[in-house]
C-alpha atoms as a PDB file:
ATOM      1  CA  MET A   1       0.061   0.133  -0.068  1.00  0.00           C
ATOM      2  CA  LYS A   2       1.232   3.387  -1.116  1.00  0.00           C
ATOM      3  CA  VAL A   3       0.509   6.224   1.386  1.00  0.00           C
ATOM      4  CA  VAL A   4       1.582  10.116   1.335  1.00  0.00           C
ATOM      5  CA  LEU A   5       2.934  11.054   4.844  1.00  0.00           C
ATOM      6  CA  ILE A   6       1.308  14.082   6.239  1.00  0.00           C
ATOM      7  CA  LYS A   7       3.379  14.403   9.166  1.00  0.00           C
ATOM      8  CA  ASP A   8       6.849  12.978  10.192  1.00  0.00           C
ATOM      9  CA  VAL A   9       6.982   9.601  11.179  1.00  0.00           C
ATOM     10  CA  TYR A  10      10.335   8.177  13.004  1.00  0.00           C
ATOM     11  CA  LYS A  11      11.942   5.561  11.180  1.00  0.00           C
ATOM     12  CA  LEU A  12       9.357   5.699   8.330  1.00  0.00           C
ATOM     13  CA  GLY A  13       9.848   9.193   6.556  1.00  0.00           C
ATOM     14  CA  ARG A  14       9.265  12.831   6.630  1.00  0.00           C
ATOM     15  CA  ALA A  15       6.086  14.462   5.774  1.00  0.00           C
ATOM     16  CA  GLY A  16       5.238  14.662   1.910  1.00  0.00           C
ATOM     17  CA  GLU A  17       7.234  11.844   1.243  1.00  0.00           C
ATOM     18  CA  ILE A  18       5.547   8.638  -0.633  1.00  0.00           C
ATOM     19  CA  LYS A  19       6.071   5.368   1.215  1.00  0.00           C
ATOM     20  CA  LYS A  20       5.247   1.783   0.554  1.00  0.00           C
ATOM     21  CA  VAL A  21       3.903   0.230   3.765  1.00  0.00           C
ATOM     22  CA  ALA A  22       2.252  -2.989   4.906  1.00  0.00           C
ATOM     23  CA  ALA A  23      -1.414  -2.661   4.041  1.00  0.00           C
ATOM     24  CA  GLY A  24      -2.168  -3.245   7.952  1.00  0.00           C
ATOM     25  CA  TYR A  25       0.174  -0.723   8.958  1.00  0.00           C
ATOM     26  CA  GLY A  26      -1.329   2.012   6.531  1.00  0.00           C
ATOM     27  CA  ARG A  27      -4.930   1.134   7.310  1.00  0.00           C
ATOM     28  CA  ASN A  28      -4.926   0.535  10.960  1.00  0.00           C
ATOM     29  CA  TYR A  29      -2.110   2.983  12.330  1.00  0.00           C
ATOM     30  CA  LEU A  30      -1.027   5.735  10.134  1.00  0.00           C
ATOM     31  CA  ILE A  31      -4.357   6.913   8.366  1.00  0.00           C
ATOM     32  CA  PRO A  32      -6.400   6.752  11.926  1.00  0.00           C
ATOM     33  CA  GLN A  33      -3.569   8.468  13.558  1.00  0.00           C
ATOM     34  CA  GLY A  34      -3.583  11.433  10.881  1.00  0.00           C
ATOM     35  CA  LEU A  35      -0.069  10.522  10.108  1.00  0.00           C
ATOM     36  CA  ALA A  36      -0.638   9.327   6.355  1.00  0.00           C
ATOM     37  CA  ILE A  37      -3.295   9.431   3.742  1.00  0.00           C
ATOM     38  CA  PRO A  38      -3.691   6.820   0.942  1.00  0.00           C
ATOM     39  CA  ALA A  39      -1.816   7.707  -2.169  1.00  0.00           C
ATOM     40  CA  SER A  40      -4.401   8.656  -4.769  1.00  0.00           C
ATOM     41  CA  LYS A  41      -4.106  10.952  -7.682  1.00  0.00           C
ATOM     42  CA  GLY A  42      -5.222  14.085  -5.821  1.00  0.00           C
ATOM     43  CA  ALA A  43      -2.767  12.964  -2.836  1.00  0.00           C
ATOM     44  CA  LEU A  44       0.171  12.617  -4.894  1.00  0.00           C
ATOM     45  CA  GLN A  45      -0.532  16.242  -6.440  1.00  0.00           C
ATOM     46  CA  GLN A  46      -0.785  17.486  -2.936  1.00  0.00           C
ATOM     47  CA  ALA A  47       2.519  15.744  -1.683  1.00  0.00           C
ATOM     48  CA  GLU A  48       4.729  18.769  -2.815  1.00  0.00           C
ATOM     49  CA  ARG A  49       2.590  21.193  -1.013  1.00  0.00           C
ATOM     50  CA  ILE A  50       2.562  19.038   2.098  1.00  0.00           C
ATOM     51  CA  ARG A  51       6.304  18.605   1.862  1.00  0.00           C
ATOM     52  CA  ILE A  52       6.977  22.389   1.812  1.00  0.00           C
ATOM     53  CA  LYS A  53       4.416  23.232   4.724  1.00  0.00           C
ATOM     54  CA  ALA A  54       6.125  20.249   6.716  1.00  0.00           C
ATOM     55  CA  THR A  55       9.431  21.736   6.060  1.00  0.00           C
ATOM     56  CA  GLU A  56       8.352  25.162   7.525  1.00  0.00           C
ATOM     57  CA  ARG A  57       6.722  23.741  10.556  1.00  0.00           C
ATOM     58  CA  ARG A  58       9.744  21.495  11.005  1.00  0.00           C
ATOM     59  CA  ALA A  59      12.253  24.624  10.987  1.00  0.00           C
ATOM     60  CA  ALA A  60      10.062  26.266  13.495  1.00  0.00           C
ATOM     61  CA  LEU A  61       9.807  23.222  15.982  1.00  0.00           C
ATOM     62  CA  ASN A  62      13.589  22.738  15.835  1.00  0.00           C
ATOM     63  CA  GLU A  63      13.962  26.452  16.394  1.00  0.00           C
ATOM     64  CA  GLU A  64      11.514  25.957  19.393  1.00  0.00           C
ATOM     65  CA  LEU A  65      12.950  23.119  20.816  1.00  0.00           C
ATOM     66  CA  SER A  66      16.720  23.745  20.108  1.00  0.00           C
ATOM     67  CA  ALA A  67      16.778  25.399  23.741  1.00  0.00           C
ATOM     68  CA  ILE A  68      15.533  22.143  25.160  1.00  0.00           C
ATOM     69  CA  SER A  69      18.237  20.107  23.195  1.00  0.00           C
ATOM     70  CA  GLU A  70      21.077  22.398  24.624  1.00  0.00           C
ATOM     71  CA  VAL A  71      19.830  22.008  28.032  1.00  0.00           C
ATOM     72  CA  LEU A  72      19.618  18.134  27.906  1.00  0.00           C
ATOM     73  CA  GLY A  73      22.502  17.488  25.759  1.00  0.00           C
ATOM     74  CA  GLY A  74      25.358  15.692  27.770  1.00  0.00           C
ATOM     75  CA  LYS A  75      23.332  15.666  31.179  1.00  0.00           C
ATOM     76  CA  THR A  76      23.842  12.935  33.434  1.00  0.00           C
ATOM     77  CA  LEU A  77      21.013  11.154  35.625  1.00  0.00           C
ATOM     78  CA  ALA A  78      21.828   8.794  38.609  1.00  0.00           C
ATOM     79  CA  PHE A  79      19.433   6.295  39.568  1.00  0.00           C
ATOM     80  CA  PRO A  80      20.327   4.521  42.968  1.00  0.00           C
ATOM     81  CA  VAL A  81      18.700   0.947  42.899  1.00  0.00           C
ATOM     82  CA  LYS A  82      18.849  -2.547  44.460  1.00  0.00           C
ATOM     83  CA  ALA A  83      20.734  -4.900  42.617  1.00  0.00           C
ATOM     84  CA  SER A  84      22.455  -8.432  43.021  1.00  0.00           C
ATOM     85  CA  GLU A  85      26.101  -9.036  43.369  1.00  0.00           C
ATOM     86  CA  THR A  86      26.388  -9.438  39.862  1.00  0.00           C
ATOM     87  CA  GLY A  87      25.184  -6.160  38.876  1.00  0.00           C
ATOM     88  CA  ARG A  88      21.688  -7.514  37.980  1.00  0.00           C
ATOM     89  CA  LEU A  89      18.700  -5.185  39.032  1.00  0.00           C
ATOM     90  CA  TYR A  90      15.768  -6.294  41.236  1.00  0.00           C
ATOM     91  CA  GLY A  91      13.417  -4.748  38.754  1.00  0.00           C
ATOM     92  CA  SER A  92      14.471  -2.044  36.024  1.00  0.00           C
ATOM     93  CA  VAL A  93      14.847   1.534  35.184  1.00  0.00           C
ATOM     94  CA  SER A  94      12.268   2.034  32.636  1.00  0.00           C
ATOM     95  CA  ARG A  95      11.357   4.959  30.129  1.00  0.00           C
ATOM     96  CA  ASP A  96       8.846   6.330  32.725  1.00  0.00           C
ATOM     97  CA  GLU A  97      11.256   6.706  35.511  1.00  0.00           C
ATOM     98  CA  ILE A  98      13.815   8.505  33.121  1.00  0.00           C
ATOM     99  CA  VAL A  99      11.054  10.937  32.054  1.00  0.00           C
ATOM    100  CA  LYS A 100      10.289  11.779  35.672  1.00  0.00           C
ATOM    101  CA  ALA A 101      13.810  12.371  36.603  1.00  0.00           C
ATOM    102  CA  VAL A 102      14.279  14.653  33.603  1.00  0.00           C
ATOM    103  CA  PHE A 103      11.203  16.605  34.689  1.00  0.00           C
ATOM    104  CA  ALA A 104      12.360  16.495  38.600  1.00  0.00           C
ATOM    105  CA  ASN A 105      15.830  17.719  37.458  1.00  0.00           C
ATOM    106  CA  TYR A 106      15.336  19.959  34.718  1.00  0.00           C
ATOM    107  CA  GLN A 107      11.535  20.804  34.709  1.00  0.00           C
ATOM    108  CA  ILE A 108      11.341  19.527  31.049  1.00  0.00           C
ATOM    109  CA  GLU A 109       8.369  17.610  30.299  1.00  0.00           C
ATOM    110  CA  LEU A 110       9.043  14.530  27.738  1.00  0.00           C
ATOM    111  CA  GLU A 111       6.790  11.883  26.457  1.00  0.00           C
ATOM    112  CA  ARG A 112       7.601   8.349  27.004  1.00  0.00           C
ATOM    113  CA  ARG A 113       7.959   7.594  23.551  1.00  0.00           C
ATOM    114  CA  GLN A 114      10.557  10.296  23.206  1.00  0.00           C
ATOM    115  CA  VAL A 115      12.947   8.157  25.269  1.00  0.00           C
ATOM    116  CA  GLU A 116      14.694   5.558  23.190  1.00  0.00           C
ATOM    117  CA  THR A 117      15.711   2.590  25.407  1.00  0.00           C
ATOM    118  CA  GLU A 118      14.632  -0.700  26.612  1.00  0.00           C
ATOM    119  CA  PRO A 119      14.140  -1.126  30.328  1.00  0.00           C
ATOM    120  CA  ILE A 120      17.830  -1.136  31.949  1.00  0.00           C
ATOM    121  CA  ARG A 121      18.527  -4.197  34.107  1.00  0.00           C
ATOM    122  CA  GLN A 122      22.395  -3.826  34.817  1.00  0.00           C
ATOM    123  CA  ILE A 123      24.421  -1.618  36.867  1.00  0.00           C
ATOM    124  CA  GLY A 124      26.293   0.690  34.521  1.00  0.00           C
ATOM    125  CA  ALA A 125      26.328   3.857  32.469  1.00  0.00           C
ATOM    126  CA  TYR A 126      24.015   4.189  29.546  1.00  0.00           C
ATOM    127  CA  THR A 127      23.841   6.874  26.742  1.00  0.00           C
ATOM    128  CA  ILE A 128      20.248   7.372  25.949  1.00  0.00           C
ATOM    129  CA  PRO A 129      19.022   9.327  23.015  1.00  0.00           C
ATOM    130  CA  ILE A 130      15.741  11.580  23.550  1.00  0.00           C
ATOM    131  CA  HIS A 131      13.938  12.203  20.089  1.00  0.00           C
ATOM    132  CA  LEU A 132      12.677  15.732  20.613  1.00  0.00           C
ATOM    133  CA  THR A 133      12.302  15.920  16.602  1.00  0.00           C
ATOM    134  CA  MET A 134      13.635  13.919  13.711  1.00  0.00           C
ATOM    135  CA  ASP A 135      16.497  16.480  13.746  1.00  0.00           C
ATOM    136  CA  LEU A 136      17.051  17.298  17.346  1.00  0.00           C
ATOM    137  CA  VAL A 137      18.219  14.139  19.415  1.00  0.00           C
ATOM    138  CA  PRO A 138      20.183  15.279  22.280  1.00  0.00           C
ATOM    139  CA  GLU A 139      21.748  12.272  24.514  1.00  0.00           C
ATOM    140  CA  ILE A 140      21.607  11.908  28.247  1.00  0.00           C
ATOM    141  CA  THR A 141      23.813   9.826  30.277  1.00  0.00           C
ATOM    142  CA  VAL A 142      21.857   7.284  32.793  1.00  0.00           C
ATOM    143  CA  ILE A 143      24.045   5.999  35.713  1.00  0.00           C
ATOM    144  CA  VAL A 144      22.713   3.190  37.336  1.00  0.00           C
ATOM    145  CA  HIS A 145      24.165   2.234  40.949  1.00  0.00           C
ATOM    146  CA  ARG A 146      23.662   0.309  43.962  1.00  0.00           C
ATOM    147  CA  GLU A 147      21.880   2.196  46.681  1.00  0.00           C
ATOM    148  CA  GLY A 148      24.357   3.500  49.316  1.00  0.00           C
ATOM    149  CA  GLU A 149      27.205   3.609  46.762  1.00  0.00           C
ATOM    150  CA  PRO A 150      28.369   6.640  44.797  1.00  0.00           C
ATOM    151  CA  PRO A 151      27.510   6.843  41.202  1.00  0.00           C
ATOM    152  CA  VAL A 152      30.444   5.744  39.055  1.00  0.00           C
ATOM    153  CA  GLN A 153      30.578   5.792  35.248  1.00  0.00           C
ATOM    154  CA  LYS A 154      31.539   2.391  33.808  1.00  0.00           C
ATOM    155  CA  THR A 155      30.441   0.073  30.889  1.00  0.00           C
ATOM    156  CA  PRO A 156      27.333  -2.084  31.903  1.00  0.00           C
ATOM    157  CA  ALA A 157      28.104  -5.242  33.591  1.00  0.00           C
ATOM    158  CA  SER A 158      27.599  -7.506  30.700  1.00  0.00           C
ATOM    159  CA  GLU A 159      30.191  -5.426  28.507  1.00  0.00           C
ATOM    160  CA  GLU A 160      32.663  -5.224  31.429  1.00  0.00           C
ATOM    161  CA  GLU A 161      32.524  -9.074  31.755  1.00  0.00           C
ATOM    162  CA  ALA A 162      33.005  -9.562  28.269  1.00  0.00           C
ATOM    163  CA  LEU A 163      36.150  -7.099  28.166  1.00  0.00           C
ATOM    164  CA  ASP A 164      37.629  -8.883  31.461  1.00  0.00           C
ATOM    165  CA  GLU A 165      37.272 -12.157  29.675  1.00  0.00           C
ATOM    166  CA  ALA A 166      38.552 -11.019  26.461  1.00  0.00           C
ATOM    167  CA  GLU A 167      41.736  -9.583  28.470  1.00  0.00           C
ATOM    168  CA  ILE A 168      42.229 -12.844  30.423  1.00  0.00           C
ATOM    169  CA  ALA A 169      42.167 -14.713  27.044  1.00  0.00           C
ATOM    170  CA  LEU A 170      45.007 -12.728  25.655  1.00  0.00           C
ATOM    171  CA  GLU A 171      47.140 -12.970  28.693  1.00  0.00           C
ATOM    172  CA  GLY A 172      46.743 -16.680  29.193  1.00  0.00           C
ATOM    173  CA  GLU A 173      47.596 -17.360  25.379  1.00  0.00           C
ATOM    174  CA  GLU A 174      50.607 -20.015  25.438  1.00  0.00           C
ATOM    175  CA  ALA A 175      52.825 -20.805  22.855  1.00  0.00           C
ATOM    176  CA  PRO A 176      51.458 -22.912  20.063  1.00  0.00           C
ATOM    177  CA  VAL A 177      51.892 -26.746  20.759  1.00  0.00           C
ATOM    178  CA  ASP A 178      53.432 -28.912  18.351  1.00  0.00           C
ATOM    179  CA  LEU A 179      50.468 -31.502  17.692  1.00  0.00           C
ATOM    180  CA  GLU A 180      53.302 -34.317  16.229  1.00  0.00           C
ATOM    181  CA  GLU A 181      55.146 -34.333  19.458  1.00  0.00           C
ATOM    182  CA  ILE A 182      51.973 -35.181  21.546  1.00  0.00           C
ATOM    183  CA  LEU A 183      50.003 -37.625  18.948  1.00  0.00           C
ATOM    184  CA  PRO A 184      52.692 -40.389  18.527  1.00  0.00           C
ATOM    185  CA  ASP A 185      52.910 -40.973  22.405  1.00  0.00           C
ATOM    186  CA  GLU A 186      48.920 -41.291  22.375  1.00  0.00           C
ATOM    187  CA  VAL A 187      48.513 -43.639  19.268  1.00  0.00           C
ATOM    188  CA  GLU A 188      51.351 -45.931  20.453  1.00  0.00           C
ATOM    189  CA  ASP A 189      49.528 -46.203  23.897  1.00  0.00           C
ATOM    190  CA  GLU A 190      46.342 -47.067  22.209  1.00  0.00           C
ATOM    191  CA  ALA A 191      48.080 -49.816  20.037  1.00  0.00           C
ATOM    192  CA  GLU A 192      49.634 -51.378  23.288  1.00  0.00           C
ATOM    193  CA  HIS A 193      46.332 -51.503  25.045  1.00  0.00           C
ATOM    194  CA  PRO A 194      43.329 -52.042  22.828  1.00  0.00           C
ATOM    195  CA  GLU A 195      39.925 -51.798  24.396  1.00  0.00           C
ATOM    196  CA  ALA A 196      37.840 -54.835  24.359  1.00  0.00           C
END
């Protein structure tokens, strides 16, 4: 199904573009939400006008939200949580909690969908993009740490463990073993003592 986008749709396209989408996605989501219209002859003729108006709206919106982008860009939020010895959280840090923390610290209201992350389930530091518009995407750092401990910026536990294992593997590398020295002895032992 071809549609003409009326508004910018994240991960799909900008207003005025003609996109081919799954029929169900177009009929059940894009069209009812007012994000697109079916691509008819009349709609195709309007596509250029839609694109021009959307560009003007996008420029005004980007100008309006650029101050918020500057405030949020590079900021750090700390979340004290209960966690196991391995760094796995008892629960998670969700988008909703990040939205509430941004409002509490910076008095900036965000919508849940603007925070692009899955629930955080490990102790560590995470860089999280905040989608204000398609063009303005400041990143904040979320540090998840144990209650009672100071927030320390480090990579998530799973990445840290992988790095530690890689370092141990590199340090523990031994000189190559000559198989000819080992195999003849083993083969001779098997020839002398055949298994019944």
